[in-house]
Amino acid sequence: MTPMRAIRKYCIGCQGGSSKAVAYCTVTKCDLWPLRFGRKPKTVRKLMGDKWLDPRQMPGPDESLESLPSPPPLRGRGKQKRASTMLTGK
């Protein structure tokens, strides 16, 4: 398991198994908060926007998680295939 995947797994556990709760995590003083998506902050900013890395834009404690919209999907290019794999198809 990569360190980023371990951080993501930890954050999901901390938030009771909810990916949506991780996205709206209000524990902004946690050292792992900027990494909670399991990606580098630069990648999150590029794919999802600045809102998700700005602690001031997180919901207050009186807001219900159910009333908040789902975060946009975090899709990237993923791992690139090796040139040899692309040529042989394996």
PDB file of N, CA and C in Angstrom:
ATOM      1  N   MET A   1       0.850  -1.176   0.000  1.00  0.00           N
ATOM      2  CA  MET A   1       0.000   0.000   0.000  1.00  0.00           C
ATOM      3  C   MET A   1       0.892   1.235   0.000  1.00  0.00           C
ATOM      4  N   THR A   2       0.543   2.181  -0.870  1.00  0.00           N
ATOM      5  CA  THR A   2       1.326   3.412  -0.947  1.00  0.00           C
ATOM      6  C   THR A   2       1.002   4.300   0.259  1.00  0.00           C
ATOM      7  N   PRO A   3       1.895   5.229   0.587  1.00  0.00           N
ATOM      8  CA  PRO A   3       1.600   6.144   1.695  1.00  0.00           C
ATOM      9  C   PRO A   3       0.306   6.938   1.475  1.00  0.00           C
ATOM     10  N   MET A   4       0.046   7.373   0.248  1.00  0.00           N
ATOM     11  CA  MET A   4      -1.177   8.135  -0.026  1.00  0.00           C
ATOM     12  C   MET A   4      -2.426   7.277   0.184  1.00  0.00           C
ATOM     13  N   ARG A   5      -2.376   6.022  -0.234  1.00  0.00           N
ATOM     14  CA  ARG A   5      -3.522   5.130  -0.012  1.00  0.00           C
ATOM     15  C   ARG A   5      -3.726   4.874   1.477  1.00  0.00           C
ATOM     16  N   ALA A   6      -2.612   4.770   2.201  1.00  0.00           N
ATOM     17  CA  ALA A   6      -2.706   4.564   3.650  1.00  0.00           C
ATOM     18  C   ALA A   6      -3.356   5.779   4.321  1.00  0.00           C
ATOM     19  N   ILE A   7      -3.004   6.973   3.864  1.00  0.00           N
ATOM     20  CA  ILE A   7      -3.608   8.191   4.414  1.00  0.00           C
ATOM     21  C   ILE A   7      -5.102   8.214   4.106  1.00  0.00           C
ATOM     22  N   ARG A   8      -5.459   7.888   2.876  1.00  0.00           N
ATOM     23  CA  ARG A   8      -6.882   7.866   2.491  1.00  0.00           C
ATOM     24  C   ARG A   8      -7.656   6.861   3.343  1.00  0.00           C
ATOM     25  N   LYS A   9      -7.080   5.683   3.522  1.00  0.00           N
ATOM     26  CA  LYS A   9      -7.729   4.644   4.326  1.00  0.00           C
ATOM     27  C   LYS A   9      -7.886   5.118   5.773  1.00  0.00           C
ATOM     28  N   TYR A  10      -6.865   5.761   6.313  1.00  0.00           N
ATOM     29  CA  TYR A  10      -6.931   6.283   7.673  1.00  0.00           C
ATOM     30  C   TYR A  10      -8.047   7.321   7.798  1.00  0.00           C
ATOM     31  N   CYS A  11      -8.119   8.233   6.834  1.00  0.00           N
ATOM     32  CA  CYS A  11      -9.131   9.294   6.885  1.00  0.00           C
ATOM     33  C   CYS A  11     -10.543   8.718   6.786  1.00  0.00           C
ATOM     34  N   ILE A  12     -10.740   7.731   5.932  1.00  0.00           N
ATOM     35  CA  ILE A  12     -12.059   7.105   5.824  1.00  0.00           C
ATOM     36  C   ILE A  12     -12.424   6.439   7.151  1.00  0.00           C
ATOM     37  N   GLY A  13     -11.479   5.781   7.783  1.00  0.00           N
ATOM     38  CA  GLY A  13     -11.721   5.180   9.095  1.00  0.00           C
ATOM     39  C   GLY A  13     -12.037   6.227  10.152  1.00  0.00           C
ATOM     40  N   CYS A  14     -11.331   7.325  10.117  1.00  0.00           N
ATOM     41  CA  CYS A  14     -11.545   8.413  11.079  1.00  0.00           C
ATOM     42  C   CYS A  14     -12.956   8.998  10.940  1.00  0.00           C
ATOM     43  N   GLN A  15     -13.475   9.011   9.714  1.00  0.00           N
ATOM     44  CA  GLN A  15     -14.789   9.600   9.446  1.00  0.00           C
ATOM     45  C   GLN A  15     -15.896   8.547   9.406  1.00  0.00           C
ATOM     46  N   GLY A  16     -15.674   7.430  10.033  1.00  0.00           N
ATOM     47  CA  GLY A  16     -16.720   6.419  10.160  1.00  0.00           C
ATOM     48  C   GLY A  16     -17.029   5.669   8.877  1.00  0.00           C
ATOM     49  N   GLY A  17     -16.064   5.618   7.949  1.00  0.00           N
ATOM     50  CA  GLY A  17     -16.256   4.865   6.719  1.00  0.00           C
ATOM     51  C   GLY A  17     -16.920   5.638   5.597  1.00  0.00           C
ATOM     52  N   SER A  18     -17.119   6.928   5.756  1.00  0.00           N
ATOM     53  CA  SER A  18     -17.819   7.738   4.759  1.00  0.00           C
ATOM     54  C   SER A  18     -16.847   8.577   3.929  1.00  0.00           C
ATOM     55  N   SER A  19     -16.820   8.317   2.623  1.00  0.00           N
ATOM     56  CA  SER A  19     -15.984   9.123   1.730  1.00  0.00           C
ATOM     57  C   SER A  19     -16.470  10.571   1.676  1.00  0.00           C
ATOM     58  N   LYS A  20     -17.783  10.744   1.738  1.00  0.00           N
ATOM     59  CA  LYS A  20     -18.350  12.094   1.710  1.00  0.00           C
ATOM     60  C   LYS A  20     -17.935  12.870   2.958  1.00  0.00           C
ATOM     61  N   ALA A  21     -17.914  12.194   4.096  1.00  0.00           N
ATOM     62  CA  ALA A  21     -17.489  12.851   5.334  1.00  0.00           C
ATOM     63  C   ALA A  21     -16.017  13.240   5.262  1.00  0.00           C
ATOM     64  N   VAL A  22     -15.205  12.428   4.583  1.00  0.00           N
ATOM     65  CA  VAL A  22     -13.788  12.766   4.413  1.00  0.00           C
ATOM     66  C   VAL A  22     -13.660  14.041   3.584  1.00  0.00           C
ATOM     67  N   ALA A  23     -14.439  14.146   2.517  1.00  0.00           N
ATOM     68  CA  ALA A  23     -14.383  15.334   1.661  1.00  0.00           C
ATOM     69  C   ALA A  23     -14.739  16.598   2.437  1.00  0.00           C
ATOM     70  N   TYR A  24     -15.712  16.495   3.336  1.00  0.00           N
ATOM     71  CA  TYR A  24     -16.165  17.650   4.117  1.00  0.00           C
ATOM     72  C   TYR A  24     -15.575  17.666   5.529  1.00  0.00           C
ATOM     73  N   CYS A  25     -14.472  16.997   5.731  1.00  0.00           N
ATOM     74  CA  CYS A  25     -13.836  16.913   7.044  1.00  0.00           C
ATOM     75  C   CYS A  25     -13.567  18.310   7.598  1.00  0.00           C
ATOM     76  N   THR A  26     -13.957  18.520   8.831  1.00  0.00           N
ATOM     77  CA  THR A  26     -13.761  19.830   9.468  1.00  0.00           C
ATOM     78  C   THR A  26     -12.583  19.843  10.436  1.00  0.00           C
ATOM     79  N   VAL A  27     -11.859  18.744  10.519  1.00  0.00           N
ATOM     80  CA  VAL A  27     -10.682  18.676  11.397  1.00  0.00           C
ATOM     81  C   VAL A  27      -9.490  19.225  10.607  1.00  0.00           C
ATOM     82  N   THR A  28      -9.562  20.505  10.300  1.00  0.00           N
ATOM     83  CA  THR A  28      -8.583  21.126   9.410  1.00  0.00           C
ATOM     84  C   THR A  28      -7.206  21.305  10.036  1.00  0.00           C
ATOM     85  N   LYS A  29      -7.105  21.141  11.340  1.00  0.00           N
ATOM     86  CA  LYS A  29      -5.797  21.257  11.996  1.00  0.00           C
ATOM     87  C   LYS A  29      -5.008  19.952  11.938  1.00  0.00           C
ATOM     88  N   CYS A  30      -5.641  18.890  11.450  1.00  0.00           N
ATOM     89  CA  CYS A  30      -4.968  17.600  11.296  1.00  0.00           C
ATOM     90  C   CYS A  30      -3.897  17.728  10.206  1.00  0.00           C
ATOM     91  N   ASP A  31      -2.725  17.177  10.459  1.00  0.00           N
ATOM     92  CA  ASP A  31      -1.645  17.240   9.470  1.00  0.00           C
ATOM     93  C   ASP A  31      -1.995  16.524   8.174  1.00  0.00           C
ATOM     94  N   LEU A  32      -2.909  15.557   8.232  1.00  0.00           N
ATOM     95  CA  LEU A  32      -3.285  14.797   7.042  1.00  0.00           C
ATOM     96  C   LEU A  32      -4.422  15.444   6.249  1.00  0.00           C
ATOM     97  N   TRP A  33      -5.021  16.506   6.779  1.00  0.00           N
ATOM     98  CA  TRP A  33      -6.193  17.107   6.136  1.00  0.00           C
ATOM     99  C   TRP A  33      -5.980  17.429   4.655  1.00  0.00           C
ATOM    100  N   PRO A  34      -4.853  18.057   4.255  1.00  0.00           N
ATOM    101  CA  PRO A  34      -4.684  18.362   2.827  1.00  0.00           C
ATOM    102  C   PRO A  34      -4.504  17.108   1.965  1.00  0.00           C
ATOM    103  N   LEU A  35      -4.180  15.988   2.588  1.00  0.00           N
ATOM    104  CA  LEU A  35      -3.923  14.738   1.857  1.00  0.00           C
ATOM    105  C   LEU A  35      -5.082  13.758   1.953  1.00  0.00           C
ATOM    106  N   ARG A  36      -6.209  14.181   2.519  1.00  0.00           N
ATOM    107  CA  ARG A  36      -7.309  13.266   2.834  1.00  0.00           C
ATOM    108  C   ARG A  36      -7.937  12.584   1.631  1.00  0.00           C
ATOM    109  N   PHE A  37      -7.740  13.129   0.437  1.00  0.00           N
ATOM    110  CA  PHE A  37      -8.284  12.506  -0.766  1.00  0.00           C
ATOM    111  C   PHE A  37      -7.381  11.408  -1.300  1.00  0.00           C
ATOM    112  N   GLY A  38      -6.215  11.235  -0.683  1.00  0.00           N
ATOM    113  CA  GLY A  38      -5.285  10.217  -1.151  1.00  0.00           C
ATOM    114  C   GLY A  38      -4.493  10.666  -2.363  1.00  0.00           C
ATOM    115  N   ARG A  39      -4.489  11.953  -2.604  1.00  0.00           N
ATOM    116  CA  ARG A  39      -3.746  12.554  -3.707  1.00  0.00           C
ATOM    117  C   ARG A  39      -2.990  13.764  -3.189  1.00  0.00           C
ATOM    118  N   LYS A  40      -2.000  14.192  -3.960  1.00  0.00           N
ATOM    119  CA  LYS A  40      -1.275  15.403  -3.594  1.00  0.00           C
ATOM    120  C   LYS A  40      -2.216  16.599  -3.704  1.00  0.00           C
ATOM    121  N   PRO A  41      -2.068  17.585  -2.821  1.00  0.00           N
ATOM    122  CA  PRO A  41      -2.943  18.766  -2.883  1.00  0.00           C
ATOM    123  C   PRO A  41      -2.949  19.435  -4.256  1.00  0.00           C
ATOM    124  N   LYS A  42      -1.822  19.456  -4.927  1.00  0.00           N
ATOM    125  CA  LYS A  42      -1.737  20.062  -6.262  1.00  0.00           C
ATOM    126  C   LYS A  42      -2.672  19.340  -7.241  1.00  0.00           C
ATOM    127  N   THR A  43      -2.739  18.028  -7.145  1.00  0.00           N
ATOM    128  CA  THR A  43      -3.608  17.239  -8.020  1.00  0.00           C
ATOM    129  C   THR A  43      -5.075  17.482  -7.677  1.00  0.00           C
ATOM    130  N   VAL A  44      -5.394  17.524  -6.393  1.00  0.00           N
ATOM    131  CA  VAL A  44      -6.772  17.776  -5.964  1.00  0.00           C
ATOM    132  C   VAL A  44      -7.222  19.143  -6.467  1.00  0.00           C
ATOM    133  N   ARG A  45      -6.365  20.136  -6.316  1.00  0.00           N
ATOM    134  CA  ARG A  45      -6.698  21.495  -6.763  1.00  0.00           C
ATOM    135  C   ARG A  45      -6.973  21.514  -8.267  1.00  0.00           C
ATOM    136  N   LYS A  46      -6.160  20.804  -9.024  1.00  0.00           N
ATOM    137  CA  LYS A  46      -6.300  20.768 -10.483  1.00  0.00           C
ATOM    138  C   LYS A  46      -7.588  20.047 -10.899  1.00  0.00           C
ATOM    139  N   LEU A  47      -7.916  18.933 -10.260  1.00  0.00           N
ATOM    140  CA  LEU A  47      -9.055  18.117 -10.669  1.00  0.00           C
ATOM    141  C   LEU A  47     -10.378  18.546 -10.046  1.00  0.00           C
ATOM    142  N   MET A  48     -10.338  19.124  -8.844  1.00  0.00           N
ATOM    143  CA  MET A  48     -11.578  19.418  -8.124  1.00  0.00           C
ATOM    144  C   MET A  48     -11.779  20.896  -7.814  1.00  0.00           C
ATOM    145  N   GLY A  49     -10.734  21.673  -7.832  1.00  0.00           N
ATOM    146  CA  GLY A  49     -10.847  23.100  -7.519  1.00  0.00           C
ATOM    147  C   GLY A  49     -10.313  23.433  -6.138  1.00  0.00           C
ATOM    148  N   ASP A  50     -10.141  24.726  -5.901  1.00  0.00           N
ATOM    149  CA  ASP A  50      -9.563  25.219  -4.648  1.00  0.00           C
ATOM    150  C   ASP A  50     -10.452  25.001  -3.432  1.00  0.00           C
ATOM    151  N   LYS A  51     -11.752  24.952  -3.635  1.00  0.00           N
ATOM    152  CA  LYS A  51     -12.694  24.868  -2.508  1.00  0.00           C
ATOM    153  C   LYS A  51     -12.346  23.723  -1.559  1.00  0.00           C
ATOM    154  N   TRP A  52     -11.916  22.607  -2.094  1.00  0.00           N
ATOM    155  CA  TRP A  52     -11.698  21.400  -1.289  1.00  0.00           C
ATOM    156  C   TRP A  52     -10.415  21.463  -0.473  1.00  0.00           C
ATOM    157  N   LEU A  53      -9.580  22.482  -0.705  1.00  0.00           N
ATOM    158  CA  LEU A  53      -8.346  22.633   0.060  1.00  0.00           C
ATOM    159  C   LEU A  53      -8.338  23.908   0.894  1.00  0.00           C
ATOM    160  N   ASP A  54      -9.476  24.585   0.952  1.00  0.00           N
ATOM    161  CA  ASP A  54      -9.582  25.816   1.727  1.00  0.00           C
ATOM    162  C   ASP A  54     -10.411  25.540   2.991  1.00  0.00           C
ATOM    163  N   PRO A  55      -9.772  25.490   4.153  1.00  0.00           N
ATOM    164  CA  PRO A  55     -10.496  25.187   5.396  1.00  0.00           C
ATOM    165  C   PRO A  55     -11.661  26.136   5.670  1.00  0.00           C
ATOM    166  N   ARG A  56     -11.578  27.375   5.195  1.00  0.00           N
ATOM    167  CA  ARG A  56     -12.644  28.348   5.438  1.00  0.00           C
ATOM    168  C   ARG A  56     -13.922  28.008   4.683  1.00  0.00           C
ATOM    169  N   GLN A  57     -13.817  27.146   3.671  1.00  0.00           N
ATOM    170  CA  GLN A  57     -14.993  26.792   2.882  1.00  0.00           C
ATOM    171  C   GLN A  57     -15.637  25.471   3.319  1.00  0.00           C
ATOM    172  N   MET A  58     -15.118  24.880   4.377  1.00  0.00           N
ATOM    173  CA  MET A  58     -15.721  23.651   4.886  1.00  0.00           C
ATOM    174  C   MET A  58     -16.976  24.000   5.686  1.00  0.00           C
ATOM    175  N   PRO A  59     -17.942  23.094   5.741  1.00  0.00           N
ATOM    176  CA  PRO A  59     -19.197  23.389   6.445  1.00  0.00           C
ATOM    177  C   PRO A  59     -18.990  23.516   7.947  1.00  0.00           C
ATOM    178  N   GLY A  60     -19.909  24.209   8.576  1.00  0.00           N
ATOM    179  CA  GLY A  60     -19.863  24.361  10.024  1.00  0.00           C
ATOM    180  C   GLY A  60     -20.386  23.122  10.717  1.00  0.00           C
ATOM    181  N   PRO A  61     -20.205  23.041  12.032  1.00  0.00           N
ATOM    182  CA  PRO A  61     -20.631  21.862  12.783  1.00  0.00           C
ATOM    183  C   PRO A  61     -22.147  21.672  12.824  1.00  0.00           C
ATOM    184  N   ASP A  62     -22.899  22.728  12.538  1.00  0.00           N
ATOM    185  CA  ASP A  62     -24.361  22.618  12.578  1.00  0.00           C
ATOM    186  C   ASP A  62     -24.962  22.121  11.262  1.00  0.00           C
ATOM    187  N   GLU A  63     -24.155  21.977  10.215  1.00  0.00           N
ATOM    188  CA  GLU A  63     -24.662  21.506   8.925  1.00  0.00           C
ATOM    189  C   GLU A  63     -24.677  19.983   8.870  1.00  0.00           C
ATOM    190  N   SER A  64     -25.752  19.450   8.327  1.00  0.00           N
ATOM    191  CA  SER A  64     -25.913  18.008   8.195  1.00  0.00           C
ATOM    192  C   SER A  64     -25.184  17.525   6.942  1.00  0.00           C
ATOM    193  N   LEU A  65     -24.475  16.419   7.060  1.00  0.00           N
ATOM    194  CA  LEU A  65     -23.751  15.852   5.932  1.00  0.00           C
ATOM    195  C   LEU A  65     -24.705  15.495   4.790  1.00  0.00           C
ATOM    196  N   GLU A  66     -25.899  15.038   5.128  1.00  0.00           N
ATOM    197  CA  GLU A  66     -26.874  14.653   4.110  1.00  0.00           C
ATOM    198  C   GLU A  66     -27.327  15.848   3.261  1.00  0.00           C
ATOM    199  N   SER A  67     -27.294  17.044   3.824  1.00  0.00           N
ATOM    200  CA  SER A  67     -27.746  18.226   3.087  1.00  0.00           C
ATOM    201  C   SER A  67     -26.683  18.775   2.133  1.00  0.00           C
ATOM    202  N   LEU A  68     -25.467  18.284   2.245  1.00  0.00           N
ATOM    203  CA  LEU A  68     -24.373  18.786   1.414  1.00  0.00           C
ATOM    204  C   LEU A  68     -24.289  17.995   0.110  1.00  0.00           C
ATOM    205  N   PRO A  69     -23.918  18.658  -0.982  1.00  0.00           N
ATOM    206  CA  PRO A  69     -23.783  17.933  -2.247  1.00  0.00           C
ATOM    207  C   PRO A  69     -22.576  17.000  -2.220  1.00  0.00           C
ATOM    208  N   SER A  70     -22.643  15.958  -3.019  1.00  0.00           N
ATOM    209  CA  SER A  70     -21.490  15.051  -3.120  1.00  0.00           C
ATOM    210  C   SER A  70     -20.353  15.791  -3.799  1.00  0.00           C
ATOM    211  N   PRO A  71     -19.124  15.523  -3.378  1.00  0.00           N
ATOM    212  CA  PRO A  71     -17.987  16.180  -4.023  1.00  0.00           C
ATOM    213  C   PRO A  71     -17.823  15.663  -5.447  1.00  0.00           C
ATOM    214  N   PRO A  72     -17.188  16.453  -6.312  1.00  0.00           N
ATOM    215  CA  PRO A  72     -16.963  15.975  -7.676  1.00  0.00           C
ATOM    216  C   PRO A  72     -16.029  14.773  -7.654  1.00  0.00           C
ATOM    217  N   PRO A  73     -16.132  13.897  -8.646  1.00  0.00           N
ATOM    218  CA  PRO A  73     -15.246  12.733  -8.662  1.00  0.00           C
ATOM    219  C   PRO A  73     -13.798  13.169  -8.862  1.00  0.00           C
ATOM    220  N   LEU A  74     -12.913  12.482  -8.221  1.00  0.00           N
ATOM    221  CA  LEU A  74     -11.487  12.780  -8.327  1.00  0.00           C
ATOM    222  C   LEU A  74     -10.897  11.786  -9.304  1.00  0.00           C
ATOM    223  N   ARG A  75     -10.839  12.183 -10.542  1.00  0.00           N
ATOM    224  CA  ARG A  75     -10.330  11.285 -11.578  1.00  0.00           C
ATOM    225  C   ARG A  75      -9.068  11.874 -12.158  1.00  0.00           C
ATOM    226  N   GLY A  76      -8.081  11.051 -12.264  1.00  0.00           N
ATOM    227  CA  GLY A  76      -6.830  11.460 -12.877  1.00  0.00           C
ATOM    228  C   GLY A  76      -6.456  10.477 -13.958  1.00  0.00           C
ATOM    229  N   ARG A  77      -5.277  10.618 -14.447  1.00  0.00           N
ATOM    230  CA  ARG A  77      -4.831   9.722 -15.510  1.00  0.00           C
ATOM    231  C   ARG A  77      -4.467   8.362 -14.964  1.00  0.00           C
ATOM    232  N   GLY A  78      -4.170   8.275 -13.687  1.00  0.00           N
ATOM    233  CA  GLY A  78      -3.748   6.998 -13.126  1.00  0.00           C
ATOM    234  C   GLY A  78      -2.355   6.648 -13.589  1.00  0.00           C
ATOM    235  N   LYS A  79      -1.974   5.415 -13.350  1.00  0.00           N
ATOM    236  CA  LYS A  79      -0.642   4.978 -13.743  1.00  0.00           C
ATOM    237  C   LYS A  79      -0.594   4.754 -15.253  1.00  0.00           C
ATOM    238  N   GLN A  80       0.465   5.186 -15.832  1.00  0.00           N
ATOM    239  CA  GLN A  80       0.660   5.000 -17.262  1.00  0.00           C
ATOM    240  C   GLN A  80       1.168   3.583 -17.512  1.00  0.00           C
ATOM    241  N   LYS A  81       0.742   2.988 -18.609  1.00  0.00           N
ATOM    242  CA  LYS A  81       1.253   1.672 -18.968  1.00  0.00           C
ATOM    243  C   LYS A  81       2.648   1.831 -19.523  1.00  0.00           C
ATOM    244  N   ARG A  82       3.455   0.821 -19.297  1.00  0.00           N
ATOM    245  CA  ARG A  82       4.790   0.826 -19.876  1.00  0.00           C
ATOM    246  C   ARG A  82       4.682   0.648 -21.383  1.00  0.00           C
ATOM    247  N   ALA A  83       5.650   1.181 -22.091  1.00  0.00           N
ATOM    248  CA  ALA A  83       5.649   1.070 -23.548  1.00  0.00           C
ATOM    249  C   ALA A  83       5.678  -0.402 -23.979  1.00  0.00           C
ATOM    250  N   SER A  84       6.433  -1.219 -23.251  1.00  0.00           N
ATOM    251  CA  SER A  84       6.507  -2.643 -23.614  1.00  0.00           C
ATOM    252  C   SER A  84       5.157  -3.320 -23.437  1.00  0.00           C
ATOM    253  N   THR A  85       4.398  -2.918 -22.426  1.00  0.00           N
ATOM    254  CA  THR A  85       3.074  -3.490 -22.181  1.00  0.00           C
ATOM    255  C   THR A  85       2.124  -3.067 -23.306  1.00  0.00           C
ATOM    256  N   MET A  86       2.252  -1.839 -23.745  1.00  0.00           N
ATOM    257  CA  MET A  86       1.367  -1.361 -24.805  1.00  0.00           C
ATOM    258  C   MET A  86       1.651  -2.078 -26.128  1.00  0.00           C
ATOM    259  N   LEU A  87       2.910  -2.401 -26.376  1.00  0.00           N
ATOM    260  CA  LEU A  87       3.272  -3.081 -27.616  1.00  0.00           C
ATOM    261  C   LEU A  87       2.835  -4.543 -27.620  1.00  0.00           C
ATOM    262  N   THR A  88       3.012  -5.215 -26.495  1.00  0.00           N
ATOM    263  CA  THR A  88       2.703  -6.642 -26.432  1.00  0.00           C
ATOM    264  C   THR A  88       1.266  -6.909 -26.036  1.00  0.00           C
ATOM    265  N   GLY A  89       0.611  -5.928 -25.427  1.00  0.00           N
ATOM    266  CA  GLY A  89      -0.765  -6.100 -24.995  1.00  0.00           C
ATOM    267  C   GLY A  89      -0.890  -6.870 -23.698  1.00  0.00           C
ATOM    268  N   LYS A  90       0.215  -7.114 -23.013  1.00  0.00           N
ATOM    269  CA  LYS A  90       0.189  -7.861 -21.743  1.00  0.00           C
ATOM    270  C   LYS A  90       0.199  -6.937 -20.576  1.00  0.00           C
TER     271      LYS A  90
END
